PDB file of all heavy atoms in Angstrom:
ATOM      1  N   GLU A   1     -19.435  -2.587  -3.704  1.00  0.00           N
ATOM      2  CA  GLU A   1     -18.047  -3.068  -3.435  1.00  0.00           C
ATOM      3  C   GLU A   1     -17.691  -2.960  -1.860  1.00  0.00           C
ATOM      4  O   GLU A   1     -18.225  -2.042  -1.274  1.00  0.00           O
ATOM      5  CB  GLU A   1     -16.983  -2.037  -4.201  1.00  0.00           C
ATOM      6  CG  GLU A   1     -17.079  -2.251  -5.637  1.00  0.00           C
ATOM      7  CD  GLU A   1     -16.344  -3.492  -6.083  1.00  0.00           C
ATOM      8  OE1 GLU A   1     -15.484  -4.034  -5.391  1.00  0.00           O
ATOM      9  OE2 GLU A   1     -16.780  -4.127  -7.110  1.00  0.00           O
ATOM     10  N   PRO A   2     -17.109  -4.026  -1.383  1.00  0.00           N
ATOM     11  CA  PRO A   2     -16.743  -3.940  -0.004  1.00  0.00           C
ATOM     12  C   PRO A   2     -15.697  -2.712   0.244  1.00  0.00           C
ATOM     13  O   PRO A   2     -15.028  -2.321  -0.627  1.00  0.00           O
ATOM     14  CB  PRO A   2     -16.009  -5.259   0.318  1.00  0.00           C
ATOM     15  CG  PRO A   2     -16.378  -6.078  -0.940  1.00  0.00           C
ATOM     16  CD  PRO A   2     -16.728  -5.243  -2.074  1.00  0.00           C
ATOM     17  N   ASP A   3     -15.768  -2.253   1.429  1.00  0.00           N
ATOM     18  CA  ASP A   3     -14.725  -1.284   1.899  1.00  0.00           C
ATOM     19  C   ASP A   3     -13.455  -1.751   1.827  1.00  0.00           C
ATOM     20  O   ASP A   3     -13.079  -2.804   2.433  1.00  0.00           O
ATOM     21  CB  ASP A   3     -15.148  -0.789   3.313  1.00  0.00           C
ATOM     22  CG  ASP A   3     -14.130   0.323   3.810  1.00  0.00           C
ATOM     23  OD1 ASP A   3     -13.366   0.868   2.996  1.00  0.00           O
ATOM     24  OD2 ASP A   3     -14.404   0.694   4.957  1.00  0.00           O
ATOM     25  N   PRO A   4     -12.516  -1.129   0.961  1.00  0.00           N
ATOM     26  CA  PRO A   4     -11.173  -1.694   0.902  1.00  0.00           C
ATOM     27  C   PRO A   4     -10.345  -1.659   2.224  1.00  0.00           C
ATOM     28  O   PRO A   4      -9.490  -2.522   2.453  1.00  0.00           O
ATOM     29  CB  PRO A   4     -10.447  -0.767  -0.120  1.00  0.00           C
ATOM     30  CG  PRO A   4     -11.245   0.521  -0.085  1.00  0.00           C
ATOM     31  CD  PRO A   4     -12.648   0.083   0.147  1.00  0.00           C
ATOM     32  N   ALA A   5     -10.664  -0.818   3.176  1.00  0.00           N
ATOM     33  CA  ALA A   5     -10.080  -0.766   4.387  1.00  0.00           C
ATOM     34  C   ALA A   5     -10.299  -2.121   5.230  1.00  0.00           C
ATOM     35  O   ALA A   5      -9.606  -2.609   5.985  1.00  0.00           O
ATOM     36  CB  ALA A   5     -10.340   0.416   5.307  1.00  0.00           C
ATOM     37  N   VAL A   6     -11.606  -2.639   4.916  1.00  0.00           N
ATOM     38  CA  VAL A   6     -11.964  -3.857   5.624  1.00  0.00           C
ATOM     39  C   VAL A   6     -11.314  -5.087   4.792  1.00  0.00           C
ATOM     40  O   VAL A   6     -10.845  -5.910   5.544  1.00  0.00           O
ATOM     41  CB  VAL A   6     -13.490  -3.945   5.661  1.00  0.00           C
ATOM     42  CG1 VAL A   6     -13.885  -5.406   6.115  1.00  0.00           C
ATOM     43  CG2 VAL A   6     -14.144  -2.899   6.417  1.00  0.00           C
ATOM     44  N   LEU A   7     -11.220  -5.078   3.604  1.00  0.00           N
ATOM     45  CA  LEU A   7     -10.551  -6.072   2.834  1.00  0.00           C
ATOM     46  C   LEU A   7      -9.125  -6.197   3.009  1.00  0.00           C
ATOM     47  O   LEU A   7      -8.542  -7.313   3.044  1.00  0.00           O
ATOM     48  CB  LEU A   7     -10.883  -5.941   1.321  1.00  0.00           C
ATOM     49  CG  LEU A   7     -12.239  -6.198   0.893  1.00  0.00           C
ATOM     50  CD1 LEU A   7     -12.433  -5.951  -0.571  1.00  0.00           C
ATOM     51  CD2 LEU A   7     -12.674  -7.704   1.200  1.00  0.00           C
ATOM     52  N   PHE A   8      -8.414  -5.034   3.166  1.00  0.00           N
ATOM     53  CA  PHE A   8      -6.948  -5.046   3.121  1.00  0.00           C
ATOM     54  C   PHE A   8      -6.465  -4.129   4.294  1.00  0.00           C
ATOM     55  O   PHE A   8      -5.954  -3.002   4.197  1.00  0.00           O
ATOM     56  CB  PHE A   8      -6.485  -4.295   1.784  1.00  0.00           C
ATOM     57  CG  PHE A   8      -7.100  -4.983   0.614  1.00  0.00           C
ATOM     58  CD1 PHE A   8      -7.895  -4.180  -0.278  1.00  0.00           C
ATOM     59  CD2 PHE A   8      -6.738  -6.287   0.148  1.00  0.00           C
ATOM     60  CE1 PHE A   8      -8.405  -4.776  -1.431  1.00  0.00           C
ATOM     61  CE2 PHE A   8      -7.254  -6.725  -0.868  1.00  0.00           C
ATOM     62  CZ  PHE A   8      -8.058  -6.117  -1.791  1.00  0.00           C
ATOM     63  N   PRO A   9      -6.662  -4.642   5.599  1.00  0.00           N
ATOM     64  CA  PRO A   9      -6.376  -3.811   6.675  1.00  0.00           C
ATOM     65  C   PRO A   9      -4.809  -3.518   6.870  1.00  0.00           C
ATOM     66  O   PRO A   9      -4.456  -2.392   7.285  1.00  0.00           O
ATOM     67  CB  PRO A   9      -6.715  -4.661   7.848  1.00  0.00           C
ATOM     68  CG  PRO A   9      -6.914  -6.023   7.344  1.00  0.00           C
ATOM     69  CD  PRO A   9      -7.190  -5.967   5.890  1.00  0.00           C
ATOM     70  N   ASP A  10      -4.004  -4.393   6.238  1.00  0.00           N
ATOM     71  CA  ASP A  10      -2.647  -4.158   6.151  1.00  0.00           C
ATOM     72  C   ASP A  10      -2.258  -2.962   5.330  1.00  0.00           C
ATOM     73  O   ASP A  10      -1.378  -2.079   5.502  1.00  0.00           O
ATOM     74  CB  ASP A  10      -1.856  -5.362   5.872  1.00  0.00           C
ATOM     75  CG  ASP A  10      -2.298  -6.014   4.605  1.00  0.00           C
ATOM     76  OD1 ASP A  10      -3.441  -5.815   4.177  1.00  0.00           O
ATOM     77  OD2 ASP A  10      -1.533  -6.746   3.908  1.00  0.00           O
ATOM     78  N   VAL A  11      -2.965  -2.836   4.131  1.00  0.00           N
ATOM     79  CA  VAL A  11      -2.743  -1.704   3.239  1.00  0.00           C
ATOM     80  C   VAL A  11      -3.234  -0.526   3.890  1.00  0.00           C
ATOM     81  O   VAL A  11      -2.623   0.681   3.866  1.00  0.00           O
ATOM     82  CB  VAL A  11      -3.347  -1.936   1.890  1.00  0.00           C
ATOM     83  CG1 VAL A  11      -3.444  -0.673   1.030  1.00  0.00           C
ATOM     84  CG2 VAL A  11      -2.827  -3.077   1.151  1.00  0.00           C
ATOM     85  N   ALA A  12      -4.508  -0.504   4.573  1.00  0.00           N
ATOM     86  CA  ALA A  12      -5.067   0.627   5.135  1.00  0.00           C
ATOM     87  C   ALA A  12      -4.077   1.198   6.260  1.00  0.00           C
ATOM     88  O   ALA A  12      -3.923   2.439   6.386  1.00  0.00           O
ATOM     89  CB  ALA A  12      -6.387   0.291   5.809  1.00  0.00           C
ATOM     90  N   ALA A  13      -3.392   0.307   7.007  1.00  0.00           N
ATOM     91  CA  ALA A  13      -2.496   0.726   8.124  1.00  0.00           C
ATOM     92  C   ALA A  13      -1.336   1.435   7.522  1.00  0.00           C
ATOM     93  O   ALA A  13      -0.795   2.356   8.149  1.00  0.00           O
ATOM     94  CB  ALA A  13      -1.992  -0.591   8.763  1.00  0.00           C
ATOM     95  N   HIS A  14      -0.979   1.163   6.268  1.00  0.00           N
ATOM     96  CA  HIS A  14       0.078   1.970   5.591  1.00  0.00           C
ATOM     97  C   HIS A  14      -0.539   3.361   5.021  1.00  0.00           C
ATOM     98  O   HIS A  14       0.265   4.159   4.588  1.00  0.00           O
ATOM     99  CB  HIS A  14       0.893   1.124   4.487  1.00  0.00           C
ATOM    100  CG  HIS A  14       1.799   0.235   5.129  1.00  0.00           C
ATOM    101  ND1 HIS A  14       1.485  -1.101   5.394  1.00  0.00           N
ATOM    102  CD2 HIS A  14       3.143   0.335   5.523  1.00  0.00           C
ATOM    103  CE1 HIS A  14       2.486  -1.732   5.930  1.00  0.00           C
ATOM    104  NE2 HIS A  14       3.464  -0.811   6.013  1.00  0.00           N
ATOM    105  N   GLY A  15      -1.765   3.550   4.804  1.00  0.00           N
ATOM    106  CA  GLY A  15      -2.344   4.561   4.274  1.00  0.00           C
ATOM    107  C   GLY A  15      -2.614   4.410   2.799  1.00  0.00           C
ATOM    108  O   GLY A  15      -3.426   5.170   2.275  1.00  0.00           O
ATOM    109  N   SER A  16      -1.931   3.682   2.004  1.00  0.00           N
ATOM    110  CA  SER A  16      -2.224   3.493   0.533  1.00  0.00           C
ATOM    111  C   SER A  16      -1.468   2.216   0.109  1.00  0.00           C
ATOM    112  O   SER A  16      -0.655   1.655   0.811  1.00  0.00           O
ATOM    113  CB  SER A  16      -1.610   4.713  -0.196  1.00  0.00           C
ATOM    114  OG  SER A  16      -0.165   4.554  -0.264  1.00  0.00           O
ATOM    115  N   LEU A  17      -2.029   1.734  -1.111  1.00  0.00           N
ATOM    116  CA  LEU A  17      -1.327   0.541  -1.600  1.00  0.00           C
ATOM    117  C   LEU A  17       0.004   0.772  -1.983  1.00  0.00           C
ATOM    118  O   LEU A  17       1.057   0.026  -1.839  1.00  0.00           O
ATOM    119  CB  LEU A  17      -2.169   0.177  -2.878  1.00  0.00           C
ATOM    120  CG  LEU A  17      -1.572  -1.163  -3.624  1.00  0.00           C
ATOM    121  CD1 LEU A  17      -1.573  -2.297  -2.667  1.00  0.00           C
ATOM    122  CD2 LEU A  17      -2.506  -1.489  -4.838  1.00  0.00           C
ATOM    123  N   ALA A  18       0.316   1.942  -2.545  1.00  0.00           N
ATOM    124  CA  ALA A  18       1.817   2.380  -2.898  1.00  0.00           C
ATOM    125  C   ALA A  18       2.696   2.187  -1.675  1.00  0.00           C
ATOM    126  O   ALA A  18       3.750   1.719  -1.754  1.00  0.00           O
ATOM    127  CB  ALA A  18       1.732   3.792  -3.386  1.00  0.00           C
ATOM    128  N   ALA A  19       2.237   2.841  -0.560  1.00  0.00           N
ATOM    129  CA  ALA A  19       3.069   2.836   0.738  1.00  0.00           C
ATOM    130  C   ALA A  19       3.257   1.316   1.256  1.00  0.00           C
ATOM    131  O   ALA A  19       4.273   0.989   1.641  1.00  0.00           O
ATOM    132  CB  ALA A  19       2.540   3.646   1.739  1.00  0.00           C
ATOM    133  N   ALA A  20       2.224   0.621   1.207  1.00  0.00           N
ATOM    134  CA  ALA A  20       2.336  -0.835   1.542  1.00  0.00           C
ATOM    135  C   ALA A  20       3.253  -1.593   0.767  1.00  0.00           C
ATOM    136  O   ALA A  20       4.056  -2.380   1.264  1.00  0.00           O
ATOM    137  CB  ALA A  20       0.867  -1.498   1.579  1.00  0.00           C
ATOM    138  N   LEU A  21       3.187  -1.442  -0.526  1.00  0.00           N
ATOM    139  CA  LEU A  21       4.152  -2.174  -1.431  1.00  0.00           C
ATOM    140  C   LEU A  21       5.572  -1.574  -1.304  1.00  0.00           C
ATOM    141  O   LEU A  21       6.459  -2.430  -1.349  1.00  0.00           O
ATOM    142  CB  LEU A  21       3.685  -2.016  -3.012  1.00  0.00           C
ATOM    143  CG  LEU A  21       2.348  -2.697  -3.298  1.00  0.00           C
ATOM    144  CD1 LEU A  21       1.976  -2.242  -4.688  1.00  0.00           C
ATOM    145  CD2 LEU A  21       2.570  -4.101  -3.148  1.00  0.00           C
ATOM    146  N   GLN A  22       5.741  -0.365  -1.101  1.00  0.00           N
ATOM    147  CA  GLN A  22       7.029   0.190  -0.770  1.00  0.00           C
ATOM    148  C   GLN A  22       7.661  -0.505   0.465  1.00  0.00           C
ATOM    149  O   GLN A  22       8.866  -0.715   0.541  1.00  0.00           O
ATOM    150  CB  GLN A  22       7.006   1.756  -0.648  1.00  0.00           C
ATOM    151  CG  GLN A  22       6.946   2.378  -2.053  1.00  0.00           C
ATOM    152  CD  GLN A  22       6.715   3.808  -2.012  1.00  0.00           C
ATOM    153  OE1 GLN A  22       6.060   4.400  -1.056  1.00  0.00           O
ATOM    154  NE2 GLN A  22       7.139   4.584  -3.028  1.00  0.00           N
ATOM    155  N   ALA A  23       6.778  -0.525   1.504  1.00  0.00           N
ATOM    156  CA  ALA A  23       7.282  -1.164   2.780  1.00  0.00           C
ATOM    157  C   ALA A  23       7.690  -2.610   2.536  1.00  0.00           C
ATOM    158  O   ALA A  23       8.787  -3.040   3.114  1.00  0.00           O
ATOM    159  CB  ALA A  23       6.184  -0.942   3.837  1.00  0.00           C
ATOM    160  N   ALA A  24       6.899  -3.398   1.733  1.00  0.00           N
ATOM    161  CA  ALA A  24       7.137  -4.775   1.580  1.00  0.00           C
ATOM    162  C   ALA A  24       8.486  -4.839   0.824  1.00  0.00           C
ATOM    163  O   ALA A  24       9.385  -5.669   0.996  1.00  0.00           O
ATOM    164  CB  ALA A  24       6.020  -5.356   0.815  1.00  0.00           C
ATOM    165  N   ALA A  25       8.701  -3.969  -0.227  1.00  0.00           N
ATOM    166  CA  ALA A  25       9.937  -4.012  -1.005  1.00  0.00           C
ATOM    167  C   ALA A  25      11.150  -3.643  -0.207  1.00  0.00           C
ATOM    168  O   ALA A  25      12.194  -4.294  -0.264  1.00  0.00           O
ATOM    169  CB  ALA A  25       9.884  -2.939  -2.164  1.00  0.00           C
ATOM    170  N   ALA A  26      10.912  -2.568   0.705  1.00  0.00           N
ATOM    171  CA  ALA A  26      12.027  -2.258   1.621  1.00  0.00           C
ATOM    172  C   ALA A  26      12.476  -3.329   2.564  1.00  0.00           C
ATOM    173  O   ALA A  26      13.671  -3.521   2.873  1.00  0.00           O
ATOM    174  CB  ALA A  26      11.611  -1.015   2.477  1.00  0.00           C
ATOM    175  N   ASP A  27      11.484  -4.114   2.966  1.00  0.00           N
ATOM    176  CA  ASP A  27      11.791  -5.322   3.879  1.00  0.00           C
ATOM    177  C   ASP A  27      12.723  -6.304   3.057  1.00  0.00           C
ATOM    178  O   ASP A  27      13.492  -7.061   3.792  1.00  0.00           O
ATOM    179  CB  ASP A  27      10.579  -6.014   4.321  1.00  0.00           C
ATOM    180  CG  ASP A  27       9.663  -5.234   5.279  1.00  0.00           C
ATOM    181  OD1 ASP A  27      10.346  -4.343   5.869  1.00  0.00           O
ATOM    182  OD2 ASP A  27       8.611  -5.574   5.522  1.00  0.00           O
ATOM    183  N   GLN A  28      12.631  -6.299   1.803  1.00  0.00           N
ATOM    184  CA  GLN A  28      13.421  -7.160   0.955  1.00  0.00           C
ATOM    185  C   GLN A  28      14.726  -6.483   0.535  1.00  0.00           C
ATOM    186  O   GLN A  28      15.481  -7.051  -0.303  1.00  0.00           O
ATOM    187  CB  GLN A  28      12.715  -7.696  -0.213  1.00  0.00           C
ATOM    188  CG  GLN A  28      11.480  -8.397   0.172  1.00  0.00           C
ATOM    189  CD  GLN A  28      11.822  -9.746   0.815  1.00  0.00           C
ATOM    190  OE1 GLN A  28      12.655 -10.546   0.477  1.00  0.00           O
ATOM    191  NE2 GLN A  28      11.004 -10.043   1.952  1.00  0.00           N
ATOM    192  N   GLY A  29      14.911  -5.212   0.971  1.00  0.00           N
ATOM    193  CA  GLY A  29      16.147  -4.432   0.490  1.00  0.00           C
ATOM    194  C   GLY A  29      16.022  -3.874  -0.870  1.00  0.00           C
ATOM    195  O   GLY A  29      17.020  -3.573  -1.539  1.00  0.00           O
ATOM    196  N   LEU A  30      14.727  -3.671  -1.340  1.00  0.00           N
ATOM    197  CA  LEU A  30      14.599  -3.144  -2.636  1.00  0.00           C
ATOM    198  C   LEU A  30      13.929  -1.741  -2.501  1.00  0.00           C
ATOM    199  O   LEU A  30      13.324  -1.384  -1.517  1.00  0.00           O
ATOM    200  CB  LEU A  30      13.602  -3.985  -3.459  1.00  0.00           C
ATOM    201  CG  LEU A  30      13.995  -5.422  -3.589  1.00  0.00           C
ATOM    202  CD1 LEU A  30      12.871  -6.334  -4.239  1.00  0.00           C
ATOM    203  CD2 LEU A  30      15.262  -5.539  -4.468  1.00  0.00           C
ATOM    204  N   SER A  31      14.145  -0.985  -3.616  1.00  0.00           N
ATOM    205  CA  SER A  31      13.576   0.452  -3.689  1.00  0.00           C
ATOM    206  C   SER A  31      12.441   0.292  -4.756  1.00  0.00           C
ATOM    207  O   SER A  31      12.749  -0.051  -5.916  1.00  0.00           O
ATOM    208  CB  SER A  31      14.570   1.483  -3.962  1.00  0.00           C
ATOM    209  OG  SER A  31      13.923   2.679  -4.308  1.00  0.00           O
ATOM    210  N   LEU A  32      11.323   0.628  -4.403  1.00  0.00           N
ATOM    211  CA  LEU A  32      10.094   0.558  -5.380  1.00  0.00           C
ATOM    212  C   LEU A  32       9.521   1.898  -5.508  1.00  0.00           C
ATOM    213  O   LEU A  32       8.686   2.354  -4.633  1.00  0.00           O
ATOM    214  CB  LEU A  32       9.222  -0.509  -5.000  1.00  0.00           C
ATOM    215  CG  LEU A  32       8.022  -0.864  -5.875  1.00  0.00           C
ATOM    216  CD1 LEU A  32       8.633  -1.491  -7.219  1.00  0.00           C
ATOM    217  CD2 LEU A  32       7.193  -1.998  -5.211  1.00  0.00           C
ATOM    218  N   PRO A  33       9.662   2.686  -6.596  1.00  0.00           N
ATOM    219  CA  PRO A  33       9.256   4.023  -6.751  1.00  0.00           C
ATOM    220  C   PRO A  33       7.703   4.136  -7.219  1.00  0.00           C
ATOM    221  O   PRO A  33       7.476   4.048  -8.328  1.00  0.00           O
ATOM    222  CB  PRO A  33      10.144   4.691  -7.784  1.00  0.00           C
ATOM    223  CG  PRO A  33      10.621   3.563  -8.624  1.00  0.00           C
ATOM    224  CD  PRO A  33      10.611   2.385  -7.748  1.00  0.00           C
ATOM    225  N   LEU A  34       6.757   3.895  -6.331  1.00  0.00           N
ATOM    226  CA  LEU A  34       5.341   3.931  -6.652  1.00  0.00           C
ATOM    227  C   LEU A  34       4.890   5.318  -6.143  1.00  0.00           C
ATOM    228  O   LEU A  34       5.364   5.974  -5.287  1.00  0.00           O
ATOM    229  CB  LEU A  34       4.623   2.811  -5.938  1.00  0.00           C
ATOM    230  CG  LEU A  34       4.825   1.537  -6.303  1.00  0.00           C
ATOM    231  CD1 LEU A  34       4.613   0.443  -5.288  1.00  0.00           C
ATOM    232  CD2 LEU A  34       4.118   1.056  -7.537  1.00  0.00           C
ATOM    233  N   THR A  35       3.685   5.772  -6.934  1.00  0.00           N
ATOM    234  CA  THR A  35       2.892   6.835  -6.424  1.00  0.00           C
ATOM    235  C   THR A  35       1.536   6.503  -6.046  1.00  0.00           C
ATOM    236  O   THR A  35       1.034   5.474  -6.693  1.00  0.00           O
ATOM    237  CB  THR A  35       3.014   7.928  -7.507  1.00  0.00           C
ATOM    238  OG1 THR A  35       2.379   7.360  -8.745  1.00  0.00           O
ATOM    239  CG2 THR A  35       4.511   8.476  -7.810  1.00  0.00           C
ATOM    240  N   VAL A  36       1.014   7.235  -5.162  1.00  0.00           N
ATOM    241  CA  VAL A  36      -0.435   7.013  -4.854  1.00  0.00           C
ATOM    242  C   VAL A  36      -1.374   7.415  -6.002  1.00  0.00           C
ATOM    243  O   VAL A  36      -1.011   8.421  -6.648  1.00  0.00           O
ATOM    244  CB  VAL A  36      -0.683   7.758  -3.625  1.00  0.00           C
ATOM    245  CG1 VAL A  36      -2.229   7.678  -3.296  1.00  0.00           C
ATOM    246  CG2 VAL A  36       0.102   7.281  -2.383  1.00  0.00           C
ATOM    247  N   THR A  37      -2.344   6.635  -6.227  1.00  0.00           N
ATOM    248  CA  THR A  37      -3.347   7.104  -7.157  1.00  0.00           C
ATOM    249  C   THR A  37      -4.458   7.758  -6.426  1.00  0.00           C
ATOM    250  O   THR A  37      -5.098   7.103  -5.536  1.00  0.00           O
ATOM    251  CB  THR A  37      -3.938   5.854  -7.948  1.00  0.00           C
ATOM    252  OG1 THR A  37      -2.890   5.140  -8.477  1.00  0.00           O
ATOM    253  CG2 THR A  37      -4.983   6.248  -8.961  1.00  0.00           C
ATOM    254  N   PRO A  38      -4.636   8.990  -6.479  1.00  0.00           N
ATOM    255  CA  PRO A  38      -5.493   9.819  -5.663  1.00  0.00           C
ATOM    256  C   PRO A  38      -7.026   9.370  -5.605  1.00  0.00           C
ATOM    257  O   PRO A  38      -7.652   9.430  -4.698  1.00  0.00           O
ATOM    258  CB  PRO A  38      -5.442  11.179  -6.220  1.00  0.00           C
ATOM    259  CG  PRO A  38      -4.105  11.319  -6.940  1.00  0.00           C
ATOM    260  CD  PRO A  38      -3.919   9.997  -7.401  1.00  0.00           C
ATOM    261  N   SER A  39      -7.478   8.723  -6.725  1.00  0.00           N
ATOM    262  CA  SER A  39      -8.780   8.430  -6.843  1.00  0.00           C
ATOM    263  C   SER A  39      -9.197   7.161  -5.912  1.00  0.00           C
ATOM    264  O   SER A  39     -10.321   7.162  -5.507  1.00  0.00           O
ATOM    265  CB  SER A  39      -9.177   8.097  -8.280  1.00  0.00           C
ATOM    266  OG  SER A  39      -8.486   7.092  -8.784  1.00  0.00           O
ATOM    267  N   ASP A  40      -8.263   6.327  -5.658  1.00  0.00           N
ATOM    268  CA  ASP A  40      -8.473   5.184  -4.881  1.00  0.00           C
ATOM    269  C   ASP A  40      -7.376   4.670  -4.322  1.00  0.00           C
ATOM    270  O   ASP A  40      -6.625   3.630  -4.733  1.00  0.00           O
ATOM    271  CB  ASP A  40      -9.176   4.096  -5.762  1.00  0.00           C
ATOM    272  CG  ASP A  40      -9.931   2.954  -4.884  1.00  0.00           C
ATOM    273  OD1 ASP A  40      -9.797   2.986  -3.661  1.00  0.00           O
ATOM    274  OD2 ASP A  40     -10.546   2.116  -5.537  1.00  0.00           O
TER     275      ASP A  40
END
């Protein structure tokens, strides 16, 4: 599998998919209660 940090540098910049999605939602004025999945 390719390194996810290489495939998704914008997600890696936020530290997790949950944080990246929360930031995208906040840009739209939404609150999205996501949690990080520790395994990946």
